[in-house]
């Protein structure tokens, strides 16, 4: 199972993404709102761009959700690791799940 592909498919196909955070569910819309309210994430929204073939790390919006994409010299474009950028208010809850 390719988790990167599954995540990409989730963002592309599911408009009402729900993310488990501790004992509560954060809706797609709530995640977007929390990301945009988080002042620590403002600089990453400024970095949202179209990926350049030379960039190893870059930020994009997928269905309005800020995500970080990373690849190394081995991973070609299109096969980058994709991570949701978690707002500060959800980080402790998310870490509690692990």
C-alpha atoms as a PDB file:
ATOM      1  CA  UNK A   1       0.000   0.000   0.000  1.00  0.00           C
ATOM      2  CA  UNK A   2       1.461   3.357  -1.043  1.00  0.00           C
ATOM      3  CA  UNK A   3       0.608   5.871   1.689  1.00  0.00           C
ATOM      4  CA  UNK A   4       1.672   8.856  -0.419  1.00  0.00           C
ATOM      5  CA  UNK A   5      -0.684   7.789  -3.199  1.00  0.00           C
ATOM      6  CA  UNK A   6      -3.489   7.093  -0.717  1.00  0.00           C
ATOM      7  CA  UNK A   7      -3.094  10.553   0.844  1.00  0.00           C
ATOM      8  CA  UNK A   8      -3.061  12.201  -2.553  1.00  0.00           C
ATOM      9  CA  UNK A   9      -6.167  10.271  -3.571  1.00  0.00           C
ATOM     10  CA  UNK A  10      -7.883  11.270  -0.335  1.00  0.00           C
ATOM     11  CA  UNK A  11      -7.271  14.963  -1.000  1.00  0.00           C
ATOM     12  CA  UNK A  12      -8.263  14.705  -4.637  1.00  0.00           C
ATOM     13  CA  UNK A  13     -11.438  12.669  -4.179  1.00  0.00           C
ATOM     14  CA  UNK A  14     -12.820  13.401  -0.715  1.00  0.00           C
ATOM     15  CA  UNK A  15     -14.150  16.891  -0.136  1.00  0.00           C
ATOM     16  CA  UNK A  16     -15.213  16.370   3.465  1.00  0.00           C
ATOM     17  CA  UNK A  17     -11.971  15.028   4.900  1.00  0.00           C
ATOM     18  CA  UNK A  18     -12.189  14.262   8.615  1.00  0.00           C
ATOM     19  CA  UNK A  19      -9.043  14.077  10.707  1.00  0.00           C
ATOM     20  CA  UNK A  20      -8.983  12.420  14.098  1.00  0.00           C
ATOM     21  CA  UNK A  21      -7.424  14.671  16.733  1.00  0.00           C
ATOM     22  CA  UNK A  22      -7.479  13.134  20.206  1.00  0.00           C
ATOM     23  CA  UNK A  23     -11.042  12.250  21.072  1.00  0.00           C
ATOM     24  CA  UNK A  24     -12.618  14.653  18.586  1.00  0.00           C
ATOM     25  CA  UNK A  25     -12.935  14.886  14.825  1.00  0.00           C
ATOM     26  CA  UNK A  26     -11.718  17.922  12.923  1.00  0.00           C
ATOM     27  CA  UNK A  27     -13.556  18.494   9.668  1.00  0.00           C
ATOM     28  CA  UNK A  28     -11.854  19.499   6.446  1.00  0.00           C
ATOM     29  CA  UNK A  29     -13.279  23.010   6.802  1.00  0.00           C
ATOM     30  CA  UNK A  30     -12.173  23.298  10.448  1.00  0.00           C
ATOM     31  CA  UNK A  31      -8.634  22.162   9.562  1.00  0.00           C
ATOM     32  CA  UNK A  32      -8.449  24.825   6.853  1.00  0.00           C
ATOM     33  CA  UNK A  33      -9.697  27.491   9.285  1.00  0.00           C
ATOM     34  CA  UNK A  34      -7.232  26.428  12.005  1.00  0.00           C
ATOM     35  CA  UNK A  35      -4.320  26.434   9.564  1.00  0.00           C
ATOM     36  CA  UNK A  36      -5.167  29.934   8.367  1.00  0.00           C
ATOM     37  CA  UNK A  37      -5.598  31.286  11.914  1.00  0.00           C
ATOM     38  CA  UNK A  38      -2.237  29.879  13.056  1.00  0.00           C
ATOM     39  CA  UNK A  39       0.235  32.765  12.864  1.00  0.00           C
ATOM     40  CA  UNK A  40       3.161  30.314  12.878  1.00  0.00           C
ATOM     41  CA  UNK A  41       1.971  28.900   9.548  1.00  0.00           C
ATOM     42  CA  UNK A  42       1.694  32.258   7.763  1.00  0.00           C
ATOM     43  CA  UNK A  43       5.221  32.011   6.366  1.00  0.00           C
ATOM     44  CA  UNK A  44       4.429  28.601   4.864  1.00  0.00           C
ATOM     45  CA  UNK A  45       1.349  29.941   3.100  1.00  0.00           C
ATOM     46  CA  UNK A  46       3.674  32.557   1.623  1.00  0.00           C
ATOM     47  CA  UNK A  47       5.857  29.727   0.297  1.00  0.00           C
ATOM     48  CA  UNK A  48       3.030  27.959  -1.542  1.00  0.00           C
ATOM     49  CA  UNK A  49       4.267  27.520  -5.076  1.00  0.00           C
ATOM     50  CA  UNK A  50       4.314  25.248  -8.062  1.00  0.00           C
ATOM     51  CA  UNK A  51       7.011  22.660  -7.458  1.00  0.00           C
ATOM     52  CA  UNK A  52      10.288  23.273  -9.243  1.00  0.00           C
ATOM     53  CA  UNK A  53      12.216  20.226 -10.449  1.00  0.00           C
ATOM     54  CA  UNK A  54      15.137  21.359  -8.259  1.00  0.00           C
ATOM     55  CA  UNK A  55      13.166  21.910  -5.029  1.00  0.00           C
ATOM     56  CA  UNK A  56      13.532  19.153  -2.450  1.00  0.00           C
ATOM     57  CA  UNK A  57      10.961  20.675  -0.075  1.00  0.00           C
ATOM     58  CA  UNK A  58       7.979  22.813  -1.011  1.00  0.00           C
ATOM     59  CA  UNK A  59       4.492  23.714   0.170  1.00  0.00           C
ATOM     60  CA  UNK A  60       1.256  23.400  -1.792  1.00  0.00           C
ATOM     61  CA  UNK A  61      -2.475  23.634  -1.166  1.00  0.00           C
ATOM     62  CA  UNK A  62      -4.456  20.467  -1.797  1.00  0.00           C
ATOM     63  CA  UNK A  63      -8.182  21.090  -1.548  1.00  0.00           C
ATOM     64  CA  UNK A  64      -7.262  24.260   0.384  1.00  0.00           C
ATOM     65  CA  UNK A  65      -5.255  22.260   2.988  1.00  0.00           C
ATOM     66  CA  UNK A  66      -1.619  23.314   3.417  1.00  0.00           C
ATOM     67  CA  UNK A  67       0.720  20.374   2.879  1.00  0.00           C
ATOM     68  CA  UNK A  68       4.492  19.995   2.781  1.00  0.00           C
ATOM     69  CA  UNK A  69       6.001  17.918   0.013  1.00  0.00           C
ATOM     70  CA  UNK A  70       9.516  16.527   0.271  1.00  0.00           C
ATOM     71  CA  UNK A  71      11.689  14.485  -2.022  1.00  0.00           C
ATOM     72  CA  UNK A  72      15.325  13.586  -2.111  1.00  0.00           C
ATOM     73  CA  UNK A  73      17.722  12.791  -4.919  1.00  0.00           C
ATOM     74  CA  UNK A  74      16.242   9.301  -5.233  1.00  0.00           C
ATOM     75  CA  UNK A  75      12.555  10.279  -5.391  1.00  0.00           C
ATOM     76  CA  UNK A  76      11.583  11.825  -8.721  1.00  0.00           C
ATOM     77  CA  UNK A  77       8.998  14.582  -9.094  1.00  0.00           C
ATOM     78  CA  UNK A  78       5.513  13.238  -8.471  1.00  0.00           C
ATOM     79  CA  UNK A  79       6.680  10.708  -5.866  1.00  0.00           C
ATOM     80  CA  UNK A  80       7.362  13.096  -3.017  1.00  0.00           C
ATOM     81  CA  UNK A  81       6.398  12.475   0.591  1.00  0.00           C
ATOM     82  CA  UNK A  82       3.308  14.516   1.453  1.00  0.00           C
ATOM     83  CA  UNK A  83       2.589  15.736   4.999  1.00  0.00           C
ATOM     84  CA  UNK A  84      -0.323  17.767   6.316  1.00  0.00           C
ATOM     85  CA  UNK A  85       0.942  20.881   8.095  1.00  0.00           C
ATOM     86  CA  UNK A  86      -0.701  20.633  11.514  1.00  0.00           C
ATOM     87  CA  UNK A  87      -1.808  23.835  13.271  1.00  0.00           C
ATOM     88  CA  UNK A  88      -0.287  24.389  16.717  1.00  0.00           C
ATOM     89  CA  UNK A  89      -3.634  23.867  18.489  1.00  0.00           C
ATOM     90  CA  UNK A  90      -3.831  20.282  17.170  1.00  0.00           C
ATOM     91  CA  UNK A  91      -0.207  19.179  17.632  1.00  0.00           C
ATOM     92  CA  UNK A  92      -0.446  17.882  21.208  1.00  0.00           C
ATOM     93  CA  UNK A  93      -3.638  15.980  20.408  1.00  0.00           C
ATOM     94  CA  UNK A  94      -2.031  14.484  17.321  1.00  0.00           C
ATOM     95  CA  UNK A  95       1.108  13.475  19.233  1.00  0.00           C
ATOM     96  CA  UNK A  96      -1.124  11.853  21.861  1.00  0.00           C
ATOM     97  CA  UNK A  97      -2.396   9.453  19.197  1.00  0.00           C
ATOM     98  CA  UNK A  98       1.052   7.993  18.544  1.00  0.00           C
END
